[in-house]
Amino acid sequence: MLSDESASVGLPIRIVVLTIIGMIGMYAILSAVMSTPFVPESMFAASNCSSFNMSGTIVDSPELIVSVFNNDGKPVGGANVVVWGPGKEKATGGITDHDGEFRYKLLNISLPQGKTEGYLSVKVMQEGYLDYSNEYFVKVRKV
């Protein structure tokens, strides 16, 4: 055996110091990973109709049902829904129920001057989700 003990002198303290430095580094990495910002989920909206014709009477005004759901197809309740008319000067809004639905009777829809068709626009907002908007949500035609 070797009689030189200089290699082992101070070895235990070096192991302890390196272990503490390693633990501090691990803590720094874990705290950085755990403090990453929350990435909001996507949501989507669908309608019970893709287009409708209007003749200017209240009788032919359909009920628009906007269904809001997440990536998994589960309904998103409590979402704010805003629907704009084709001319963008009138809007209506509401909140989805627990089934993710917002119902609205389409009344007083008017197309821009000189146009025979246009689109209803929709914007949906809910905390924890990315906002959803669609400028061509439902087509409106004047007959």
C-alpha atoms as a PDB file:
ATOM      1  CA  MET A   1       0.000   0.000   0.000  1.00  0.00           C
ATOM      2  CA  LEU A   2       0.956   3.574  -0.505  1.00  0.00           C
ATOM      3  CA  SER A   3       2.084   5.481   2.493  1.00  0.00           C
ATOM      4  CA  ASP A   4       1.202   8.913   1.007  1.00  0.00           C
ATOM      5  CA  GLU A   5      -2.015  10.176   2.607  1.00  0.00           C
ATOM      6  CA  SER A   6      -1.993  13.626   0.982  1.00  0.00           C
ATOM      7  CA  ALA A   7      -4.629  12.625  -1.630  1.00  0.00           C
ATOM      8  CA  SER A   8      -7.231  11.831   0.996  1.00  0.00           C
ATOM      9  CA  VAL A   9      -6.637  14.904   3.160  1.00  0.00           C
ATOM     10  CA  GLY A  10      -9.526  17.304   2.665  1.00  0.00           C
ATOM     11  CA  LEU A  11     -11.496  14.858   0.508  1.00  0.00           C
ATOM     12  CA  PRO A  12     -14.575  14.680   2.771  1.00  0.00           C
ATOM     13  CA  ILE A  13     -14.895  18.473   2.903  1.00  0.00           C
ATOM     14  CA  ARG A  14     -14.569  18.700  -0.888  1.00  0.00           C
ATOM     15  CA  ILE A  15     -17.371  16.144  -1.314  1.00  0.00           C
ATOM     16  CA  VAL A  16     -19.610  18.125   1.047  1.00  0.00           C
ATOM     17  CA  VAL A  17     -18.867  21.444  -0.712  1.00  0.00           C
ATOM     18  CA  LEU A  18     -19.501  19.972  -4.180  1.00  0.00           C
ATOM     19  CA  THR A  19     -22.749  18.374  -2.974  1.00  0.00           C
ATOM     20  CA  ILE A  20     -23.989  21.725  -1.611  1.00  0.00           C
ATOM     21  CA  ILE A  21     -23.054  23.523  -4.853  1.00  0.00           C
ATOM     22  CA  GLY A  22     -24.833  20.800  -6.841  1.00  0.00           C
ATOM     23  CA  MET A  23     -27.981  21.132  -4.695  1.00  0.00           C
ATOM     24  CA  ILE A  24     -27.994  24.917  -5.166  1.00  0.00           C
ATOM     25  CA  GLY A  25     -27.704  24.437  -8.933  1.00  0.00           C
ATOM     26  CA  MET A  26     -30.533  21.884  -8.927  1.00  0.00           C
ATOM     27  CA  TYR A  27     -32.709  24.283  -6.914  1.00  0.00           C
ATOM     28  CA  ALA A  28     -32.024  27.087  -9.402  1.00  0.00           C
ATOM     29  CA  ILE A  29     -32.975  24.862 -12.350  1.00  0.00           C
ATOM     30  CA  LEU A  30     -36.149  23.562 -10.685  1.00  0.00           C
ATOM     31  CA  SER A  31     -37.306  27.026  -9.612  1.00  0.00           C
ATOM     32  CA  ALA A  32     -36.789  28.330 -13.163  1.00  0.00           C
ATOM     33  CA  VAL A  33     -38.816  25.449 -14.599  1.00  0.00           C
ATOM     34  CA  MET A  34     -41.614  25.795 -12.037  1.00  0.00           C
ATOM     35  CA  SER A  35     -41.955  29.546 -12.573  1.00  0.00           C
ATOM     36  CA  THR A  36     -42.576  29.326 -16.321  1.00  0.00           C
ATOM     37  CA  PRO A  37     -45.739  31.186 -17.293  1.00  0.00           C
ATOM     38  CA  PHE A  38     -49.031  29.338 -17.743  1.00  0.00           C
ATOM     39  CA  VAL A  39     -49.792  28.667 -21.404  1.00  0.00           C
ATOM     40  CA  PRO A  40     -53.495  29.268 -22.039  1.00  0.00           C
ATOM     41  CA  GLU A  41     -55.558  26.611 -23.752  1.00  0.00           C
ATOM     42  CA  SER A  42     -57.275  27.125 -27.098  1.00  0.00           C
ATOM     43  CA  MET A  43     -61.038  27.309 -27.474  1.00  0.00           C
ATOM     44  CA  PHE A  44     -63.301  27.325 -30.483  1.00  0.00           C
ATOM     45  CA  ALA A  45     -66.843  28.341 -31.361  1.00  0.00           C
ATOM     46  CA  ALA A  46     -69.409  26.788 -33.659  1.00  0.00           C
ATOM     47  CA  SER A  47     -72.888  27.843 -34.712  1.00  0.00           C
ATOM     48  CA  ASN A  48     -76.124  25.956 -35.237  1.00  0.00           C
ATOM     49  CA  CYS A  49     -76.242  27.368 -38.790  1.00  0.00           C
ATOM     50  CA  SER A  50     -73.625  28.376 -41.336  1.00  0.00           C
ATOM     51  CA  SER A  51     -75.877  30.825 -43.211  1.00  0.00           C
ATOM     52  CA  PHE A  52     -79.400  32.181 -43.258  1.00  0.00           C
ATOM     53  CA  ASN A  53     -81.595  34.294 -45.494  1.00  0.00           C
ATOM     54  CA  MET A  54     -83.371  37.379 -44.239  1.00  0.00           C
ATOM     55  CA  SER A  55     -86.350  39.024 -45.801  1.00  0.00           C
ATOM     56  CA  GLY A  56     -86.754  41.849 -43.319  1.00  0.00           C
ATOM     57  CA  THR A  57     -89.447  40.267 -41.115  1.00  0.00           C
ATOM     58  CA  ILE A  58     -89.056  39.204 -37.506  1.00  0.00           C
ATOM     59  CA  VAL A  59     -90.670  35.846 -38.247  1.00  0.00           C
ATOM     60  CA  ASP A  60     -87.765  34.608 -40.367  1.00  0.00           C
ATOM     61  CA  SER A  61     -85.109  35.625 -37.835  1.00  0.00           C
ATOM     62  CA  PRO A  62     -83.467  32.431 -36.592  1.00  0.00           C
ATOM     63  CA  GLU A  63     -82.106  31.780 -33.150  1.00  0.00           C
ATOM     64  CA  LEU A  64     -78.335  31.734 -33.248  1.00  0.00           C
ATOM     65  CA  ILE A  65     -76.736  29.213 -30.908  1.00  0.00           C
ATOM     66  CA  VAL A  66     -73.016  29.741 -30.386  1.00  0.00           C
ATOM     67  CA  SER A  67     -71.368  26.673 -28.853  1.00  0.00           C
ATOM     68  CA  VAL A  68     -67.947  27.185 -27.265  1.00  0.00           C
ATOM     69  CA  PHE A  69     -65.649  24.242 -26.577  1.00  0.00           C
ATOM     70  CA  ASN A  70     -61.997  23.526 -25.797  1.00  0.00           C
ATOM     71  CA  ASN A  71     -59.460  21.304 -27.595  1.00  0.00           C
ATOM     72  CA  ASP A  72     -60.912  18.184 -25.980  1.00  0.00           C
ATOM     73  CA  GLY A  73     -64.435  19.026 -27.188  1.00  0.00           C
ATOM     74  CA  LYS A  74     -65.645  19.867 -23.684  1.00  0.00           C
ATOM     75  CA  PRO A  75     -67.998  22.857 -23.329  1.00  0.00           C
ATOM     76  CA  VAL A  76     -66.558  26.097 -21.950  1.00  0.00           C
ATOM     77  CA  GLY A  77     -69.078  27.674 -19.581  1.00  0.00           C
ATOM     78  CA  GLY A  78     -68.887  31.287 -18.464  1.00  0.00           C
ATOM     79  CA  ALA A  79     -67.202  32.513 -21.646  1.00  0.00           C
ATOM     80  CA  ASN A  80     -67.982  36.027 -22.904  1.00  0.00           C
ATOM     81  CA  VAL A  81     -69.407  35.988 -26.439  1.00  0.00           C
ATOM     82  CA  VAL A  82     -69.753  39.089 -28.640  1.00  0.00           C
ATOM     83  CA  VAL A  83     -71.567  38.868 -32.001  1.00  0.00           C
ATOM     84  CA  TRP A  84     -71.337  41.728 -34.521  1.00  0.00           C
ATOM     85  CA  GLY A  85     -73.738  42.288 -37.379  1.00  0.00           C
ATOM     86  CA  PRO A  86     -72.529  42.417 -40.986  1.00  0.00           C
ATOM     87  CA  GLY A  87     -72.187  46.203 -40.936  1.00  0.00           C
ATOM     88  CA  LYS A  88     -70.105  46.062 -37.693  1.00  0.00           C
ATOM     89  CA  GLU A  89     -72.174  48.886 -36.209  1.00  0.00           C
ATOM     90  CA  LYS A  90     -74.370  46.659 -33.999  1.00  0.00           C
ATOM     91  CA  ALA A  91     -73.194  44.089 -31.520  1.00  0.00           C
ATOM     92  CA  THR A  92     -74.752  41.871 -28.910  1.00  0.00           C
ATOM     93  CA  GLY A  93     -73.158  39.794 -26.237  1.00  0.00           C
ATOM     94  CA  GLY A  94     -73.699  37.338 -23.473  1.00  0.00           C
ATOM     95  CA  ILE A  95     -72.171  34.563 -21.427  1.00  0.00           C
ATOM     96  CA  THR A  96     -72.217  30.863 -22.225  1.00  0.00           C
ATOM     97  CA  ASP A  97     -74.139  28.544 -19.914  1.00  0.00           C
ATOM     98  CA  HIS A  98     -72.708  25.393 -18.306  1.00  0.00           C
ATOM     99  CA  ASP A  99     -73.224  23.571 -21.643  1.00  0.00           C
ATOM    100  CA  GLY A 100     -71.006  26.152 -23.372  1.00  0.00           C
ATOM    101  CA  GLU A 101     -73.932  27.687 -25.303  1.00  0.00           C
ATOM    102  CA  PHE A 102     -74.995  31.282 -25.905  1.00  0.00           C
ATOM    103  CA  ARG A 103     -78.424  31.746 -27.531  1.00  0.00           C
ATOM    104  CA  TYR A 104     -79.506  34.872 -29.358  1.00  0.00           C
ATOM    105  CA  LYS A 105     -82.541  35.653 -31.538  1.00  0.00           C
ATOM    106  CA  LEU A 106     -81.183  37.472 -34.595  1.00  0.00           C
ATOM    107  CA  LEU A 107     -83.238  40.660 -34.741  1.00  0.00           C
ATOM    108  CA  ASN A 108     -82.569  43.936 -36.526  1.00  0.00           C
ATOM    109  CA  ILE A 109     -79.743  42.551 -38.630  1.00  0.00           C
ATOM    110  CA  SER A 110     -78.860  44.975 -41.379  1.00  0.00           C
ATOM    111  CA  LEU A 111     -76.436  44.637 -44.243  1.00  0.00           C
ATOM    112  CA  PRO A 112     -74.140  47.452 -45.333  1.00  0.00           C
ATOM    113  CA  GLN A 113     -75.586  49.877 -47.907  1.00  0.00           C
ATOM    114  CA  GLY A 114     -75.760  48.304 -51.363  1.00  0.00           C
ATOM    115  CA  LYS A 115     -74.796  44.784 -50.189  1.00  0.00           C
ATOM    116  CA  THR A 116     -76.960  41.686 -50.553  1.00  0.00           C
ATOM    117  CA  GLU A 117     -74.846  39.495 -48.301  1.00  0.00           C
ATOM    118  CA  GLY A 118     -72.480  39.782 -45.384  1.00  0.00           C
ATOM    119  CA  TYR A 119     -71.165  37.905 -42.363  1.00  0.00           C
ATOM    120  CA  LEU A 120     -71.785  37.885 -38.638  1.00  0.00           C
ATOM    121  CA  SER A 121     -68.523  38.093 -36.672  1.00  0.00           C
ATOM    122  CA  VAL A 122     -67.887  36.536 -33.281  1.00  0.00           C
ATOM    123  CA  LYS A 123     -65.320  36.967 -30.510  1.00  0.00           C
ATOM    124  CA  VAL A 124     -65.138  34.668 -27.486  1.00  0.00           C
ATOM    125  CA  MET A 125     -63.121  35.429 -24.343  1.00  0.00           C
ATOM    126  CA  GLN A 126     -62.563  33.369 -21.200  1.00  0.00           C
ATOM    127  CA  GLU A 127     -59.867  33.484 -18.534  1.00  0.00           C
ATOM    128  CA  GLY A 128     -57.322  30.703 -18.990  1.00  0.00           C
ATOM    129  CA  TYR A 129     -58.018  30.439 -22.724  1.00  0.00           C
ATOM    130  CA  LEU A 130     -56.747  32.183 -25.822  1.00  0.00           C
ATOM    131  CA  ASP A 131     -59.356  34.544 -27.300  1.00  0.00           C
ATOM    132  CA  TYR A 132     -61.211  33.154 -30.303  1.00  0.00           C
ATOM    133  CA  SER A 133     -62.499  35.357 -33.114  1.00  0.00           C
ATOM    134  CA  ASN A 134     -63.977  34.671 -36.535  1.00  0.00           C
ATOM    135  CA  GLU A 135     -64.831  37.454 -38.986  1.00  0.00           C
ATOM    136  CA  TYR A 136     -66.858  35.059 -41.200  1.00  0.00           C
ATOM    137  CA  PHE A 137     -68.821  33.168 -38.556  1.00  0.00           C
ATOM    138  CA  VAL A 138     -72.299  33.056 -40.187  1.00  0.00           C
ATOM    139  CA  LYS A 139     -73.237  34.181 -43.690  1.00  0.00           C
ATOM    140  CA  VAL A 140     -76.278  36.453 -44.047  1.00  0.00           C
ATOM    141  CA  ARG A 141     -78.117  36.874 -47.361  1.00  0.00           C
ATOM    142  CA  LYS A 142     -80.897  39.288 -48.193  1.00  0.00           C
ATOM    143  CA  VAL A 143     -83.676  37.787 -50.335  1.00  0.00           C
END
